[in-house]
Every structure is written in C-alpha cells, then in structure tokens.
Amino acid sequence: MRFICLILLSFFPIMGFAQQTITFPSSDGLSVTASLYVQDKSFPFIILFHQANYSRGEYIETAPRLMKLGYNCLAVDLRSGKEVNFIQNETATKAREKNMATGYLDAEKDMLAAIEYLKQSNKKGKFILFGSSYSASLALKIAKNNPSVSAVVAFSPGEYFQPQFFVKKQIANLDKPLFIACTSNEYPFVKEMLSDVSDNLITWWTPSKGAGTHGSSALWQSNAGNGECWLSLLMFFKNLKK
C-alpha cells in the first residue's frame, strides 16, 4: 500500500502546463472548439472527448495529469453537450445557433475532425482516443478502421445508438490496445459489448468498493476510488510505451 501511495503522490501534482483554445472545422463546416495542451511537440497526443451534456471542461483536471505521463492533449467540445466545471460547450452552442443536429452520432464528425486537425498539424505518429460515455463508444467505433488511432481509453462505453446500430457489431475484432473502465453495474453489459474483441487487448477497470462513477469523471479527485482508477490507467500507459 505504501508503494502505491508513493506512486500516486508523485503522479498527482499538477504543473502549470500551457493551454490554448483553438478551433477547427468539422466536415459539415461547423467550427469545433478545443483546448490544446502541448508541452513538447515530439510527444504523442491523446484526444479527449466528453460525455453527454458536458464540455471539454470534463478534462481540466485530467489533461495535466496525462501530460505528466509524456503526452500532449487535445480536449474537444463535441456538438452533443452543454457545460461542466464552469466551461460552456462552444461547439454545441454554435450548432444550436445554426439549427444543426446535435445528437450523439452527429458528434462523430467532430471527433473525426479532431483527428484530421492533428494529422495536418502533427504529421508523424498516431493518436490515442480517450472517450467518456457516448463518446467512448464512438471512439471504439472510429478506432476499428482508422490507421491514425493507436489505442483507446473508454470510460463507460455502451450501446447508446440503437436502433441505428449496435456497437458490438461495429467493433468486432478490433485489434488495438484498449483501456475499458466502467461502474460495477455497467460491467456485465460492457463485457458483453466487447465479447468479440480479444481479451488480451483489454485492460479492465471497475471499482473495488462501491458502485463507481459513470464516465471519465471517475478520475476526478472529488470521486471515491479515483486513486485506484488512476493507478490502473497509469499501468496501461506504461505498457503502451514498452
């Protein structure tokens, strides 16, 4: 236990990493807002996507900690969302002003646009997709056939898109490393959804105590069990770099 505490104490302090608000176009012309965190242009990127009714503010605490692992981050406002941590979802606001569709599936355009933006500005390397709730499912779907994606971190993915399609069918035989986190209640359903993906590629995390927290907010310091979740995620990223 002391060893774990020492790891977490060295990991949790947050440095003053520079953050820049940027915009880039989605495929239908909508301007997508994102927070860009860069500490070294040679470092790989993690692209962060929020859950329903949220914004890029879901990651104001998480992104700096991920940067301590040697990554740059891009936290994206998807058009399906609202506000969290006092940060409004600017992409969703623009979409509503233009009377554009703001459903979960409509947000996939913005996720693909984020990948394209980084491809154009950071031509080498692949990207890790980091999703929360509905965006976690979309991240898995995108990763299946996208050569620019090297791995996926998915918090509380699920079958959020019926009757349009089943995520299970979309991601069958996905062959990239996955970190899958979910609550105890979600686990049986998420396990079934990923049953056609090799378990050798999946790092699972569920809380050892209590029901847990839906989405990537499980990592917030205000939520119980965040320490053990961070430790599991830390080991996943460590293994990715081997």
Protein backbone atom coordinates (compact mmCIF):
# COMPACT_ATOMS: atom_id res chain seq x y z
CA MET A 1 0.00 0.00 0.00
CA ARG A 2 2.84 2.41 0.81
CA PHE A 3 4.35 1.74 -2.63
CA ILE A 4 1.04 2.61 -4.33
CA CYS A 5 0.71 5.80 -2.29
CA LEU A 6 4.21 6.91 -3.27
CA ILE A 7 3.40 6.37 -6.94
CA LEU A 8 0.19 8.38 -6.67
CA LEU A 9 1.80 11.20 -4.70
CA SER A 10 4.47 11.60 -7.37
CA PHE A 11 1.88 11.43 -10.12
CA PHE A 12 -0.87 13.73 -8.87
CA PRO A 13 0.86 17.13 -8.53
CA ILE A 14 -0.21 19.32 -11.43
CA MET A 15 2.28 21.55 -13.17
CA GLY A 16 1.32 24.76 -14.95
CA PHE A 17 1.11 23.36 -18.45
CA ALA A 18 0.19 25.83 -21.16
CA GLN A 19 -3.34 25.57 -22.52
CA GLN A 20 -4.55 27.17 -25.74
CA THR A 21 -8.12 27.43 -27.04
CA ILE A 22 -8.29 26.58 -30.73
CA THR A 23 -10.93 25.94 -33.40
CA PHE A 24 -11.00 23.75 -36.49
CA PRO A 25 -13.76 22.89 -38.98
CA SER A 26 -15.88 19.75 -38.91
CA SER A 27 -16.78 18.08 -42.20
CA ASP A 28 -20.10 19.96 -42.40
CA GLY A 29 -18.49 23.35 -41.74
CA LEU A 30 -19.27 23.65 -38.03
CA SER A 31 -16.46 25.30 -36.07
CA VAL A 32 -15.23 22.94 -33.35
CA THR A 33 -13.67 24.41 -30.19
CA ALA A 34 -10.95 22.55 -28.28
CA SER A 35 -8.32 23.06 -25.60
CA LEU A 36 -4.82 22.26 -26.78
CA TYR A 37 -2.25 21.21 -24.17
CA VAL A 38 1.29 20.98 -25.55
CA GLN A 39 4.45 20.50 -23.54
CA ASP A 40 6.71 19.03 -26.24
CA LYS A 41 5.87 18.82 -29.93
CA SER A 42 7.63 15.47 -30.17
CA PHE A 43 5.30 13.84 -27.61
CA PRO A 44 2.31 11.76 -28.80
CA PHE A 45 -1.24 13.08 -28.50
CA ILE A 46 -4.25 11.92 -26.53
CA ILE A 47 -7.55 13.25 -27.91
CA LEU A 48 -10.12 13.73 -25.14
CA PHE A 49 -13.87 13.52 -25.75
CA HIS A 50 -16.56 14.27 -23.13
CA GLN A 51 -19.80 12.60 -22.11
CA ALA A 52 -23.41 13.68 -22.72
CA ASN A 53 -24.36 17.20 -21.60
CA TYR A 54 -20.71 18.02 -20.84
CA SER A 55 -17.91 20.02 -22.46
CA ARG A 56 -14.12 19.89 -22.75
CA GLY A 57 -14.23 21.06 -19.14
CA GLU A 58 -14.54 17.38 -18.20
CA TYR A 59 -10.75 17.23 -18.60
CA ILE A 60 -9.43 20.38 -16.91
CA GLU A 61 -8.15 18.22 -14.05
CA THR A 62 -7.32 15.11 -16.08
CA ALA A 63 -5.36 16.54 -19.02
CA PRO A 64 -2.48 18.00 -16.96
CA ARG A 65 -2.03 14.65 -15.22
CA LEU A 66 -1.93 12.82 -18.53
CA MET A 67 0.76 15.26 -19.66
CA LYS A 68 2.92 14.12 -16.76
CA LEU A 69 2.99 10.73 -18.48
CA GLY A 70 4.66 12.26 -21.53
CA TYR A 71 1.67 13.12 -23.71
CA ASN A 72 0.17 16.22 -25.30
CA CYS A 73 -3.62 16.51 -25.12
CA LEU A 74 -6.47 17.89 -27.19
CA ALA A 75 -9.77 18.21 -25.26
CA VAL A 76 -12.65 18.68 -27.69
CA ASP A 77 -16.10 20.27 -27.38
CA LEU A 78 -18.44 17.94 -29.28
CA ARG A 79 -21.72 19.28 -30.67
CA SER A 80 -23.70 16.97 -28.39
CA GLY A 81 -23.13 18.53 -24.98
CA LYS A 82 -23.65 21.53 -22.68
CA GLU A 83 -21.39 22.52 -19.77
CA VAL A 84 -19.27 21.18 -16.92
CA ASN A 85 -16.77 22.66 -14.47
CA PHE A 86 -17.95 26.17 -15.47
CA ILE A 87 -16.82 25.63 -19.07
CA GLN A 88 -19.52 26.01 -21.71
CA ASN A 89 -19.55 23.75 -24.75
CA GLU A 90 -18.86 26.26 -27.51
CA THR A 91 -19.27 23.76 -30.35
CA ALA A 92 -22.73 22.75 -29.12
CA THR A 93 -23.72 26.41 -28.74
CA LYS A 94 -22.70 27.15 -32.34
CA ALA A 95 -24.53 24.06 -33.60
CA ARG A 96 -27.76 25.09 -31.87
CA GLU A 97 -27.44 28.63 -33.22
CA LYS A 98 -27.17 27.18 -36.74
CA ASN A 99 -30.05 24.73 -36.13
CA MET A 100 -27.71 21.82 -36.79
CA ALA A 101 -28.38 18.33 -35.43
CA THR A 102 -26.74 17.70 -32.06
CA GLY A 103 -27.36 14.00 -31.44
CA TYR A 104 -24.73 11.58 -30.24
CA LEU A 105 -24.00 10.25 -33.74
CA ASP A 106 -23.72 13.78 -35.12
CA ALA A 107 -20.75 14.31 -32.80
CA GLU A 108 -18.75 11.65 -34.65
CA LYS A 109 -17.99 14.26 -37.33
CA ASP A 110 -16.30 16.43 -34.70
CA MET A 111 -14.23 13.51 -33.40
CA LEU A 112 -13.01 12.71 -36.90
CA ALA A 113 -12.27 16.40 -37.46
CA ALA A 114 -10.09 16.42 -34.32
CA ILE A 115 -8.06 13.52 -35.69
CA GLU A 116 -7.73 15.28 -39.03
CA TYR A 117 -6.65 18.52 -37.34
CA LEU A 118 -3.81 16.75 -35.53
CA LYS A 119 -2.82 14.86 -38.67
CA GLN A 120 -2.44 18.16 -40.50
CA SER A 121 -0.56 19.93 -37.70
CA ASN A 122 1.39 16.98 -36.30
CA LYS A 123 2.12 14.75 -39.25
CA LYS A 124 4.05 11.96 -37.52
CA GLY A 125 2.74 9.41 -35.08
CA LYS A 126 -0.65 8.02 -34.16
CA PHE A 127 -3.19 9.19 -31.61
CA ILE A 128 -4.87 7.72 -28.54
CA LEU A 129 -8.61 8.33 -28.35
CA PHE A 130 -9.99 8.92 -24.84
CA GLY A 131 -13.77 8.83 -24.59
CA SER A 132 -16.43 9.15 -21.90
CA SER A 133 -19.86 7.52 -22.12
CA TYR A 134 -21.32 8.00 -25.62
CA SER A 135 -18.02 9.36 -26.95
CA ALA A 136 -16.24 6.28 -25.57
CA SER A 137 -18.42 4.10 -27.78
CA LEU A 138 -17.77 6.34 -30.77
CA ALA A 139 -14.03 6.25 -30.04
CA LEU A 140 -14.11 2.45 -30.20
CA LYS A 141 -16.10 2.57 -33.45
CA ILE A 142 -13.68 5.04 -35.03
CA ALA A 143 -10.61 3.10 -33.90
CA LYS A 144 -11.75 -0.08 -35.65
CA ASN A 145 -10.73 1.06 -39.13
CA ASN A 146 -8.76 4.26 -38.58
CA PRO A 147 -4.99 3.83 -39.11
CA SER A 148 -4.31 7.10 -37.26
CA VAL A 149 -5.54 5.60 -33.96
CA SER A 150 -3.12 3.51 -31.90
CA ALA A 151 -5.21 2.79 -28.77
CA VAL A 152 -8.43 3.72 -26.98
CA VAL A 153 -9.28 4.66 -23.41
CA ALA A 154 -13.03 4.20 -22.97
CA PHE A 155 -14.89 5.15 -19.79
CA SER A 156 -18.43 3.73 -19.56
CA PRO A 157 -18.95 2.80 -23.21
CA GLY A 158 -22.35 1.34 -24.05
CA GLU A 159 -24.99 0.66 -26.68
CA TYR A 160 -26.11 4.28 -26.96
CA PHE A 161 -27.03 4.29 -30.67
CA GLN A 162 -29.89 1.84 -31.10
CA PRO A 163 -31.77 1.37 -33.35
CA GLN A 164 -29.22 2.83 -35.78
CA PHE A 165 -26.61 0.19 -34.97
CA PHE A 166 -25.07 -1.99 -32.28
CA VAL A 167 -21.61 -1.01 -31.08
CA LYS A 168 -20.79 -4.68 -30.51
CA LYS A 169 -21.05 -5.39 -34.23
CA GLN A 170 -19.15 -2.24 -35.19
CA ILE A 171 -16.13 -3.11 -33.03
CA ALA A 172 -15.95 -6.89 -33.53
CA ASN A 173 -12.32 -7.98 -33.89
CA LEU A 174 -10.96 -4.53 -33.07
CA ASP A 175 -7.21 -5.17 -32.80
CA LYS A 176 -5.83 -2.23 -30.80
CA PRO A 177 -4.99 -1.90 -27.08
CA LEU A 178 -7.98 -0.82 -25.02
CA PHE A 179 -8.45 0.51 -21.51
CA ILE A 180 -12.06 -0.07 -20.51
CA ALA A 181 -13.40 1.46 -17.28
CA CYS A 182 -16.96 1.25 -16.02
CA THR A 183 -19.08 1.08 -12.90
CA SER A 184 -19.88 -2.24 -11.25
CA ASN A 185 -23.45 -2.07 -12.59
CA GLU A 186 -22.27 -1.31 -16.13
CA TYR A 187 -19.67 -4.06 -16.25
CA PRO A 188 -21.86 -7.03 -17.38
CA PHE A 189 -23.28 -5.02 -20.29
CA VAL A 190 -19.90 -3.55 -21.33
CA LYS A 191 -18.30 -7.01 -21.07
CA GLU A 192 -20.92 -8.40 -23.45
CA MET A 193 -20.48 -5.48 -25.84
CA LEU A 194 -16.75 -6.23 -26.12
CA SER A 195 -17.11 -10.01 -26.23
CA ASP A 196 -15.92 -10.13 -29.85
CA VAL A 197 -12.69 -8.28 -29.03
CA SER A 198 -9.71 -10.30 -27.81
CA ASP A 199 -9.48 -10.05 -24.04
CA ASN A 200 -5.69 -9.97 -24.42
CA LEU A 201 -6.04 -6.46 -25.82
CA ILE A 202 -8.23 -5.14 -23.00
CA THR A 203 -7.22 -3.69 -19.66
CA TRP A 204 -10.33 -3.67 -17.48
CA TRP A 205 -11.02 -1.44 -14.50
CA THR A 206 -14.03 -1.44 -12.20
CA PRO A 207 -14.10 -0.06 -8.64
CA SER A 208 -13.12 -2.47 -5.88
CA LYS A 209 -15.52 -0.73 -3.49
CA GLY A 210 -18.89 0.82 -4.19
CA ALA A 211 -20.77 1.23 -7.45
CA GLY A 212 -18.33 3.70 -9.01
CA THR A 213 -18.82 6.81 -11.15
CA HIS A 214 -20.09 6.94 -14.72
CA GLY A 215 -17.68 8.30 -17.34
CA SER A 216 -14.21 9.76 -17.04
CA SER A 217 -15.21 11.80 -14.01
CA ALA A 218 -14.26 8.61 -12.17
CA LEU A 219 -10.75 10.13 -12.36
CA TRP A 220 -11.70 13.35 -10.57
CA GLN A 221 -10.22 13.74 -7.12
CA SER A 222 -13.69 14.51 -5.77
CA ASN A 223 -14.91 11.00 -6.63
CA ALA A 224 -14.23 7.94 -4.47
CA GLY A 225 -11.94 5.35 -6.00
CA ASN A 226 -10.14 7.81 -8.28
CA GLY A 227 -6.75 6.74 -6.94
CA GLU A 228 -7.10 3.09 -7.90
CA CYS A 229 -8.51 4.10 -11.28
CA TRP A 230 -5.53 6.36 -11.96
CA LEU A 231 -3.12 3.60 -10.95
CA SER A 232 -4.69 1.14 -13.39
CA LEU A 233 -4.63 3.76 -16.16
CA LEU A 234 -1.02 4.61 -15.35
CA MET A 235 -0.01 0.97 -15.82
CA PHE A 236 -1.90 0.82 -19.12
CA PHE A 237 0.03 3.79 -20.50
CA LYS A 238 3.29 2.35 -19.18
CA ASN A 239 2.66 -0.89 -21.07
CA LEU A 240 1.78 1.05 -24.24
CA LYS A 241 5.24 2.57 -24.25
CA LYS A 242 7.08 -0.74 -23.92
